[in-house]
N, C-alpha and C. Protein backbone atom coordinates (compact mmCIF):
# COMPACT_ATOMS: atom_id res chain seq x y z
N MET A 1 -19.05 -77.37 160.22
CA MET A 1 -19.61 -77.48 158.87
C MET A 1 -19.05 -76.35 158.00
N THR A 2 -18.61 -76.69 156.82
CA THR A 2 -18.05 -75.70 155.91
C THR A 2 -19.15 -74.76 155.43
N LYS A 3 -18.85 -73.48 155.44
CA LYS A 3 -19.81 -72.49 154.98
C LYS A 3 -19.72 -72.35 153.46
N MET A 4 -20.86 -72.07 152.86
CA MET A 4 -20.93 -71.87 151.42
C MET A 4 -19.95 -70.78 150.98
N ARG A 5 -19.86 -69.73 151.79
CA ARG A 5 -18.99 -68.59 151.49
C ARG A 5 -17.52 -69.03 151.35
N ASP A 6 -17.12 -70.04 152.14
CA ASP A 6 -15.73 -70.51 152.09
C ASP A 6 -15.46 -71.34 150.83
N LEU A 7 -16.49 -71.99 150.32
CA LEU A 7 -16.33 -72.85 149.15
C LEU A 7 -16.50 -72.08 147.84
N LEU A 8 -17.43 -71.14 147.86
CA LEU A 8 -17.83 -70.42 146.65
C LEU A 8 -17.09 -69.09 146.59
N GLU A 9 -15.85 -69.14 146.16
CA GLU A 9 -15.04 -67.91 146.08
C GLU A 9 -15.57 -67.04 144.95
N PRO A 10 -15.41 -65.72 145.06
CA PRO A 10 -15.93 -64.82 144.03
C PRO A 10 -15.49 -65.21 142.60
N GLU A 11 -14.26 -65.71 142.48
CA GLU A 11 -13.75 -66.09 141.14
C GLU A 11 -14.47 -67.32 140.58
N PHE A 12 -15.18 -68.03 141.43
CA PHE A 12 -15.88 -69.25 141.00
C PHE A 12 -17.32 -68.97 140.59
N ILE A 13 -17.71 -67.70 140.59
CA ILE A 13 -19.09 -67.32 140.27
C ILE A 13 -19.13 -66.70 138.87
N HIS A 14 -19.94 -67.30 138.01
CA HIS A 14 -20.07 -66.83 136.62
C HIS A 14 -21.53 -66.50 136.35
N PHE A 15 -21.83 -65.21 136.25
CA PHE A 15 -23.21 -64.79 136.04
C PHE A 15 -23.67 -64.97 134.60
N ASP A 16 -22.72 -65.19 133.70
CA ASP A 16 -23.09 -65.30 132.29
C ASP A 16 -22.24 -66.37 131.61
N LEU A 17 -22.59 -67.62 131.84
CA LEU A 17 -21.85 -68.72 131.20
C LEU A 17 -21.98 -68.62 129.69
N GLN A 18 -20.90 -68.89 128.99
CA GLN A 18 -20.91 -68.86 127.53
C GLN A 18 -21.28 -70.23 126.94
N ALA A 19 -21.08 -71.27 127.73
CA ALA A 19 -21.29 -72.64 127.26
C ALA A 19 -22.75 -72.91 126.93
N THR A 20 -22.97 -73.82 125.96
CA THR A 20 -24.33 -74.23 125.62
C THR A 20 -24.52 -75.74 125.77
N THR A 21 -23.43 -76.44 126.14
CA THR A 21 -23.53 -77.89 126.35
C THR A 21 -23.02 -78.22 127.75
N LYS A 22 -23.43 -79.38 128.23
CA LYS A 22 -23.03 -79.85 129.56
C LYS A 22 -21.51 -79.84 129.71
N ASN A 23 -20.80 -80.49 128.79
CA ASN A 23 -19.34 -80.60 128.89
C ASN A 23 -18.66 -79.24 128.89
N ALA A 24 -19.11 -78.36 128.01
CA ALA A 24 -18.51 -77.03 127.92
C ALA A 24 -18.77 -76.22 129.18
N ALA A 25 -19.96 -76.36 129.76
CA ALA A 25 -20.28 -75.61 130.99
C ALA A 25 -19.43 -76.09 132.15
N ILE A 26 -19.29 -77.40 132.28
CA ILE A 26 -18.47 -77.96 133.37
C ILE A 26 -17.02 -77.54 133.19
N ARG A 27 -16.54 -77.56 131.96
CA ARG A 27 -15.16 -77.14 131.67
C ARG A 27 -14.97 -75.65 132.00
N GLU A 28 -15.95 -74.83 131.63
CA GLU A 28 -15.87 -73.39 131.88
C GLU A 28 -15.76 -73.10 133.39
N LEU A 29 -16.55 -73.80 134.19
CA LEU A 29 -16.49 -73.62 135.64
C LEU A 29 -15.19 -74.19 136.23
N THR A 30 -14.72 -75.29 135.66
CA THR A 30 -13.48 -75.91 136.13
C THR A 30 -12.28 -74.99 135.91
N ASN A 31 -12.29 -74.21 134.83
CA ASN A 31 -11.17 -73.32 134.53
C ASN A 31 -10.84 -72.39 135.70
N ALA A 32 -11.88 -71.90 136.39
CA ALA A 32 -11.64 -71.01 137.54
C ALA A 32 -10.98 -71.77 138.68
N PHE A 33 -11.36 -73.04 138.86
CA PHE A 33 -10.73 -73.87 139.90
C PHE A 33 -9.24 -74.05 139.60
N VAL A 34 -8.92 -74.24 138.32
CA VAL A 34 -7.53 -74.43 137.91
C VAL A 34 -6.73 -73.14 138.14
N THR A 35 -7.31 -72.01 137.73
CA THR A 35 -6.66 -70.72 137.90
C THR A 35 -6.31 -70.44 139.35
N LYS A 36 -7.22 -70.81 140.27
CA LYS A 36 -7.01 -70.56 141.70
C LYS A 36 -6.22 -71.68 142.39
N GLY A 37 -5.84 -72.71 141.65
CA GLY A 37 -5.03 -73.78 142.24
C GLY A 37 -5.83 -74.81 143.03
N VAL A 38 -7.15 -74.75 142.95
CA VAL A 38 -7.99 -75.73 143.65
C VAL A 38 -7.95 -77.07 142.91
N VAL A 39 -7.84 -76.99 141.60
CA VAL A 39 -7.70 -78.21 140.78
C VAL A 39 -6.32 -78.15 140.13
N LYS A 40 -5.50 -79.18 140.40
CA LYS A 40 -4.13 -79.21 139.87
C LYS A 40 -4.08 -79.74 138.44
N ASN A 41 -5.02 -80.63 138.10
CA ASN A 41 -5.01 -81.25 136.78
C ASN A 41 -6.46 -81.32 136.29
N ASP A 42 -6.79 -80.44 135.33
CA ASP A 42 -8.18 -80.37 134.91
C ASP A 42 -8.69 -81.65 134.25
N SER A 43 -7.83 -82.34 133.49
CA SER A 43 -8.33 -83.54 132.81
C SER A 43 -8.63 -84.67 133.80
N VAL A 44 -7.85 -84.77 134.88
CA VAL A 44 -8.12 -85.79 135.90
C VAL A 44 -9.43 -85.46 136.63
N TYR A 45 -9.59 -84.21 136.99
CA TYR A 45 -10.82 -83.79 137.68
C TYR A 45 -12.05 -83.95 136.77
N LEU A 46 -11.92 -83.47 135.53
CA LEU A 46 -13.05 -83.58 134.59
C LEU A 46 -13.44 -85.03 134.34
N ALA A 47 -12.47 -85.92 134.32
CA ALA A 47 -12.75 -87.34 134.13
C ALA A 47 -13.61 -87.86 135.29
N ALA A 48 -13.31 -87.41 136.51
CA ALA A 48 -14.10 -87.82 137.69
C ALA A 48 -15.53 -87.30 137.59
N VAL A 49 -15.68 -86.05 137.17
CA VAL A 49 -17.01 -85.45 137.03
C VAL A 49 -17.81 -86.19 135.96
N MET A 50 -17.19 -86.46 134.82
CA MET A 50 -17.88 -87.12 133.71
C MET A 50 -18.23 -88.57 134.04
N LYS A 51 -17.37 -89.22 134.82
CA LYS A 51 -17.66 -90.59 135.25
C LYS A 51 -18.94 -90.58 136.09
N ARG A 52 -19.06 -89.59 136.95
CA ARG A 52 -20.25 -89.45 137.80
C ARG A 52 -21.49 -89.18 136.92
N GLU A 53 -21.33 -88.36 135.89
CA GLU A 53 -22.45 -88.04 134.99
C GLU A 53 -22.93 -89.29 134.25
N GLU A 54 -21.98 -90.19 133.93
CA GLU A 54 -22.36 -91.42 133.22
C GLU A 54 -23.22 -92.32 134.09
N GLU A 55 -22.97 -92.29 135.42
CA GLU A 55 -23.77 -93.10 136.34
C GLU A 55 -25.21 -92.64 136.35
N SER A 56 -25.44 -91.34 136.48
CA SER A 56 -26.76 -90.74 136.32
C SER A 56 -26.58 -89.23 136.24
N THR A 57 -27.45 -88.59 135.49
CA THR A 57 -27.30 -87.15 135.27
C THR A 57 -27.42 -86.38 136.58
N THR A 58 -26.69 -85.29 136.69
CA THR A 58 -26.80 -84.42 137.85
C THR A 58 -27.70 -83.24 137.53
N GLY A 59 -28.36 -83.29 136.37
CA GLY A 59 -29.38 -82.30 136.03
C GLY A 59 -30.65 -82.71 136.77
N ILE A 60 -30.90 -82.05 137.92
CA ILE A 60 -31.96 -82.51 138.82
C ILE A 60 -33.34 -82.00 138.45
N GLY A 61 -33.44 -81.20 137.39
CA GLY A 61 -34.73 -80.64 137.00
C GLY A 61 -34.83 -79.20 137.45
N PHE A 62 -35.93 -78.56 137.10
CA PHE A 62 -36.18 -77.15 137.45
C PHE A 62 -35.09 -76.22 136.94
N GLY A 63 -34.37 -76.63 135.88
CA GLY A 63 -33.32 -75.78 135.32
C GLY A 63 -32.03 -75.79 136.12
N VAL A 64 -31.87 -76.81 136.98
CA VAL A 64 -30.71 -76.86 137.88
C VAL A 64 -29.88 -78.12 137.64
N ALA A 65 -28.55 -77.97 137.72
CA ALA A 65 -27.65 -79.12 137.67
C ALA A 65 -26.60 -78.94 138.77
N ILE A 66 -26.23 -80.08 139.40
CA ILE A 66 -25.19 -80.03 140.44
C ILE A 66 -24.14 -81.10 140.14
N PRO A 67 -23.33 -80.89 139.09
CA PRO A 67 -22.27 -81.85 138.80
C PRO A 67 -21.23 -81.83 139.91
N HIS A 68 -20.59 -82.98 140.14
CA HIS A 68 -19.58 -83.02 141.20
C HIS A 68 -18.54 -84.09 140.91
N GLY A 69 -17.36 -83.83 141.42
CA GLY A 69 -16.27 -84.78 141.24
C GLY A 69 -15.38 -84.84 142.47
N LYS A 70 -15.01 -86.07 142.82
CA LYS A 70 -14.09 -86.32 143.93
C LYS A 70 -12.82 -86.82 143.27
N SER A 71 -11.70 -86.11 143.48
CA SER A 71 -10.51 -86.45 142.72
C SER A 71 -9.23 -86.08 143.47
N ALA A 72 -8.18 -86.83 143.19
CA ALA A 72 -6.86 -86.54 143.76
C ALA A 72 -6.32 -85.22 143.19
N ALA A 73 -6.89 -84.75 142.08
CA ALA A 73 -6.44 -83.50 141.46
C ALA A 73 -6.97 -82.27 142.21
N VAL A 74 -7.87 -82.48 143.16
CA VAL A 74 -8.47 -81.37 143.91
C VAL A 74 -7.71 -81.16 145.22
N THR A 75 -7.29 -79.92 145.48
CA THR A 75 -6.49 -79.62 146.67
C THR A 75 -7.34 -79.29 147.89
N LYS A 76 -8.53 -78.71 147.68
CA LYS A 76 -9.45 -78.38 148.79
C LYS A 76 -10.86 -78.29 148.24
N PRO A 77 -11.88 -78.50 149.07
CA PRO A 77 -13.26 -78.43 148.60
C PRO A 77 -13.57 -77.06 148.01
N ALA A 78 -14.32 -77.06 146.91
CA ALA A 78 -14.69 -75.80 146.27
C ALA A 78 -16.04 -75.97 145.58
N LEU A 79 -16.68 -74.83 145.37
CA LEU A 79 -17.98 -74.81 144.71
C LEU A 79 -17.96 -73.72 143.66
N GLY A 80 -18.39 -74.07 142.45
CA GLY A 80 -18.51 -73.07 141.39
C GLY A 80 -19.98 -72.86 141.07
N PHE A 81 -20.32 -71.65 140.67
CA PHE A 81 -21.69 -71.36 140.26
C PHE A 81 -21.68 -70.73 138.88
N GLY A 82 -22.55 -71.21 138.01
CA GLY A 82 -22.69 -70.63 136.69
C GLY A 82 -24.15 -70.45 136.34
N ARG A 83 -24.43 -69.36 135.65
CA ARG A 83 -25.80 -69.07 135.22
C ARG A 83 -25.83 -68.86 133.72
N SER A 84 -26.83 -69.43 133.08
CA SER A 84 -27.00 -69.25 131.65
C SER A 84 -28.43 -68.81 131.39
N GLN A 85 -28.58 -67.63 130.81
CA GLN A 85 -29.93 -67.15 130.50
C GLN A 85 -30.55 -67.97 129.36
N ILE A 86 -29.72 -68.36 128.39
CA ILE A 86 -30.28 -69.08 127.23
C ILE A 86 -30.52 -70.56 127.51
N GLY A 87 -29.80 -71.09 128.49
CA GLY A 87 -30.00 -72.50 128.83
C GLY A 87 -28.93 -73.39 128.20
N ILE A 88 -28.66 -74.49 128.88
CA ILE A 88 -27.61 -75.43 128.47
C ILE A 88 -28.24 -76.80 128.27
N GLU A 89 -27.91 -77.41 127.14
CA GLU A 89 -28.37 -78.78 126.89
C GLU A 89 -27.68 -79.67 127.90
N TYR A 90 -28.45 -80.34 128.75
CA TYR A 90 -27.79 -81.03 129.86
C TYR A 90 -28.20 -82.47 130.07
N ASP A 91 -29.22 -82.95 129.37
CA ASP A 91 -29.68 -84.32 129.61
C ASP A 91 -30.24 -84.43 131.03
N SER A 92 -31.04 -83.42 131.42
CA SER A 92 -31.62 -83.38 132.76
C SER A 92 -32.74 -84.40 132.93
N MET A 93 -33.06 -84.66 134.20
CA MET A 93 -34.13 -85.61 134.51
C MET A 93 -35.46 -85.19 133.88
N ASP A 94 -35.70 -83.87 133.77
CA ASP A 94 -36.96 -83.40 133.18
C ASP A 94 -36.81 -83.03 131.70
N ASN A 95 -35.64 -83.37 131.12
CA ASN A 95 -35.35 -83.09 129.71
C ASN A 95 -35.42 -81.61 129.32
N LYS A 96 -35.29 -80.74 130.29
CA LYS A 96 -35.31 -79.30 130.01
C LYS A 96 -33.90 -78.75 130.14
N PRO A 97 -33.63 -77.62 129.47
CA PRO A 97 -32.29 -77.01 129.58
C PRO A 97 -32.00 -76.57 131.02
N VAL A 98 -30.72 -76.47 131.34
CA VAL A 98 -30.27 -76.04 132.65
C VAL A 98 -29.86 -74.57 132.58
N HIS A 99 -30.26 -73.81 133.58
CA HIS A 99 -29.90 -72.39 133.66
C HIS A 99 -28.96 -72.10 134.83
N LEU A 100 -28.99 -72.97 135.84
CA LEU A 100 -28.18 -72.78 137.04
C LEU A 100 -27.35 -74.04 137.28
N ILE A 101 -26.03 -73.86 137.33
CA ILE A 101 -25.14 -75.00 137.57
C ILE A 101 -24.28 -74.71 138.79
N PHE A 102 -24.23 -75.68 139.70
CA PHE A 102 -23.32 -75.62 140.83
C PHE A 102 -22.35 -76.78 140.66
N LEU A 103 -21.07 -76.48 140.50
CA LEU A 103 -20.05 -77.52 140.32
C LEU A 103 -19.28 -77.71 141.62
N ILE A 104 -19.27 -78.95 142.10
CA ILE A 104 -18.60 -79.27 143.36
C ILE A 104 -17.30 -80.02 143.08
N ALA A 105 -16.23 -79.57 143.74
CA ALA A 105 -14.94 -80.26 143.65
C ALA A 105 -14.50 -80.60 145.06
N VAL A 106 -14.17 -81.87 145.30
CA VAL A 106 -13.64 -82.26 146.61
C VAL A 106 -12.44 -83.17 146.43
N PRO A 107 -11.49 -83.10 147.36
CA PRO A 107 -10.32 -83.99 147.29
C PRO A 107 -10.74 -85.44 147.48
N GLU A 108 -9.96 -86.33 146.93
CA GLU A 108 -10.22 -87.76 147.04
C GLU A 108 -10.33 -88.21 148.50
N THR A 109 -9.58 -87.55 149.37
CA THR A 109 -9.49 -87.95 150.77
C THR A 109 -10.70 -87.54 151.61
N SER A 110 -11.54 -86.61 151.11
CA SER A 110 -12.69 -86.18 151.93
C SER A 110 -13.76 -87.26 151.86
N ASN A 111 -14.28 -87.62 153.04
CA ASN A 111 -15.23 -88.72 153.12
C ASN A 111 -16.56 -88.35 152.49
N ASP A 112 -17.35 -87.51 153.17
CA ASP A 112 -18.66 -87.22 152.61
C ASP A 112 -18.91 -85.72 152.48
N GLU A 113 -17.82 -84.97 152.34
CA GLU A 113 -17.91 -83.51 152.19
C GLU A 113 -18.84 -83.14 151.03
N HIS A 114 -18.68 -83.80 149.88
CA HIS A 114 -19.49 -83.43 148.72
C HIS A 114 -20.97 -83.74 148.96
N LEU A 115 -21.24 -84.77 149.77
CA LEU A 115 -22.64 -85.10 150.07
C LEU A 115 -23.27 -84.04 150.96
N ARG A 116 -22.47 -83.51 151.90
CA ARG A 116 -22.98 -82.43 152.76
C ARG A 116 -23.27 -81.18 151.92
N ILE A 117 -22.34 -80.86 151.01
CA ILE A 117 -22.52 -79.68 150.15
C ILE A 117 -23.77 -79.90 149.27
N LEU A 118 -23.86 -81.09 148.69
CA LEU A 118 -25.00 -81.44 147.84
C LEU A 118 -26.33 -81.28 148.56
N SER A 119 -26.41 -81.80 149.77
CA SER A 119 -27.68 -81.74 150.48
C SER A 119 -28.02 -80.31 150.89
N GLN A 120 -27.00 -79.54 151.26
CA GLN A 120 -27.20 -78.12 151.59
C GLN A 120 -27.77 -77.38 150.38
N LEU A 121 -27.15 -77.60 149.23
CA LEU A 121 -27.60 -76.95 147.99
C LEU A 121 -29.00 -77.40 147.61
N SER A 122 -29.22 -78.70 147.62
CA SER A 122 -30.50 -79.25 147.20
C SER A 122 -31.65 -78.70 148.04
N ARG A 123 -31.41 -78.61 149.36
CA ARG A 123 -32.46 -78.07 150.23
C ARG A 123 -32.85 -76.66 149.83
N LYS A 124 -31.87 -75.85 149.49
CA LYS A 124 -32.14 -74.46 149.08
C LYS A 124 -32.82 -74.42 147.71
N LEU A 125 -32.28 -75.21 146.77
CA LEU A 125 -32.73 -75.12 145.37
C LEU A 125 -34.10 -75.74 145.14
N MET A 126 -34.64 -76.44 146.14
CA MET A 126 -35.99 -76.98 146.02
C MET A 126 -37.01 -75.85 145.94
N HIS A 127 -36.66 -74.71 146.49
CA HIS A 127 -37.58 -73.58 146.57
C HIS A 127 -37.53 -72.73 145.30
N GLU A 128 -38.69 -72.57 144.69
CA GLU A 128 -38.76 -71.82 143.44
C GLU A 128 -38.28 -70.39 143.59
N ASP A 129 -38.57 -69.75 144.73
CA ASP A 129 -38.14 -68.36 144.92
C ASP A 129 -36.62 -68.25 144.92
N VAL A 130 -35.94 -69.25 145.46
CA VAL A 130 -34.47 -69.26 145.47
C VAL A 130 -33.95 -69.37 144.03
N ARG A 131 -34.51 -70.30 143.25
CA ARG A 131 -34.09 -70.46 141.85
C ARG A 131 -34.34 -69.19 141.05
N GLN A 132 -35.51 -68.58 141.26
CA GLN A 132 -35.82 -67.34 140.53
C GLN A 132 -34.86 -66.22 140.90
N LYS A 133 -34.54 -66.12 142.18
CA LYS A 133 -33.63 -65.07 142.63
C LYS A 133 -32.23 -65.29 142.03
N LEU A 134 -31.80 -66.57 141.97
CA LEU A 134 -30.48 -66.87 141.39
C LEU A 134 -30.42 -66.46 139.92
N MET A 135 -31.55 -66.43 139.25
CA MET A 135 -31.57 -66.03 137.84
C MET A 135 -31.38 -64.52 137.69
N THR A 136 -31.58 -63.76 138.76
CA THR A 136 -31.54 -62.30 138.64
C THR A 136 -30.45 -61.63 139.48
N VAL A 137 -29.85 -62.35 140.44
CA VAL A 137 -28.82 -61.70 141.28
C VAL A 137 -27.67 -61.20 140.42
N THR A 138 -27.05 -60.13 140.87
CA THR A 138 -25.96 -59.55 140.08
C THR A 138 -24.67 -59.42 140.87
N THR A 139 -24.71 -59.70 142.18
CA THR A 139 -23.48 -59.58 142.96
C THR A 139 -23.17 -60.87 143.72
N VAL A 140 -21.91 -61.04 143.99
CA VAL A 140 -21.43 -62.19 144.76
C VAL A 140 -22.06 -62.15 146.15
N GLU A 141 -22.15 -60.97 146.73
CA GLU A 141 -22.70 -60.82 148.08
C GLU A 141 -24.16 -61.31 148.15
N GLU A 142 -24.94 -61.03 147.12
CA GLU A 142 -26.34 -61.49 147.09
C GLU A 142 -26.40 -63.02 147.15
N ILE A 143 -25.49 -63.67 146.46
CA ILE A 143 -25.46 -65.13 146.46
C ILE A 143 -25.08 -65.64 147.85
N TYR A 144 -24.09 -65.01 148.46
CA TYR A 144 -23.68 -65.40 149.81
C TYR A 144 -24.85 -65.29 150.79
N GLN A 145 -25.60 -64.20 150.69
CA GLN A 145 -26.72 -63.98 151.60
C GLN A 145 -27.78 -65.07 151.43
N MET A 146 -27.95 -65.56 150.22
CA MET A 146 -28.96 -66.58 149.97
C MET A 146 -28.60 -67.92 150.60
N PHE A 147 -27.30 -68.16 150.79
CA PHE A 147 -26.85 -69.46 151.28
C PHE A 147 -26.33 -69.44 152.71
N GLU A 148 -26.64 -68.38 153.46
CA GLU A 148 -26.18 -68.32 154.86
C GLU A 148 -27.09 -69.11 155.76
């Protein structure tokens, strides 16, 4: 099983997202994937993520969103994390702004890798103490410890 630490590289962690909309936040997190070579073509990957969003929102409530895309533009599985203190308009299930976003990228060829990552994340994020701690952590190491 892939460890969170292997997917969530330090460059993929943004403690202060600048974006205020769903699209801008997803794009902001995707930029780090492109810089590190995990995503070869941002528009192809973003199209996959947005297609998934059209099916149903990945804003799961409690200020959390887990957008994800499976695409040929992705070279290896990766996870991005972004935090927004002010909140992002996201069209969430509970109609509240999102403060914590986890963006999942997986290659087209991976069967259910993104589902494993999703379920791992969802299990953790169900707990209010985990969400509250994510709002205040300041180091990459603290995030790693939370997901071990």
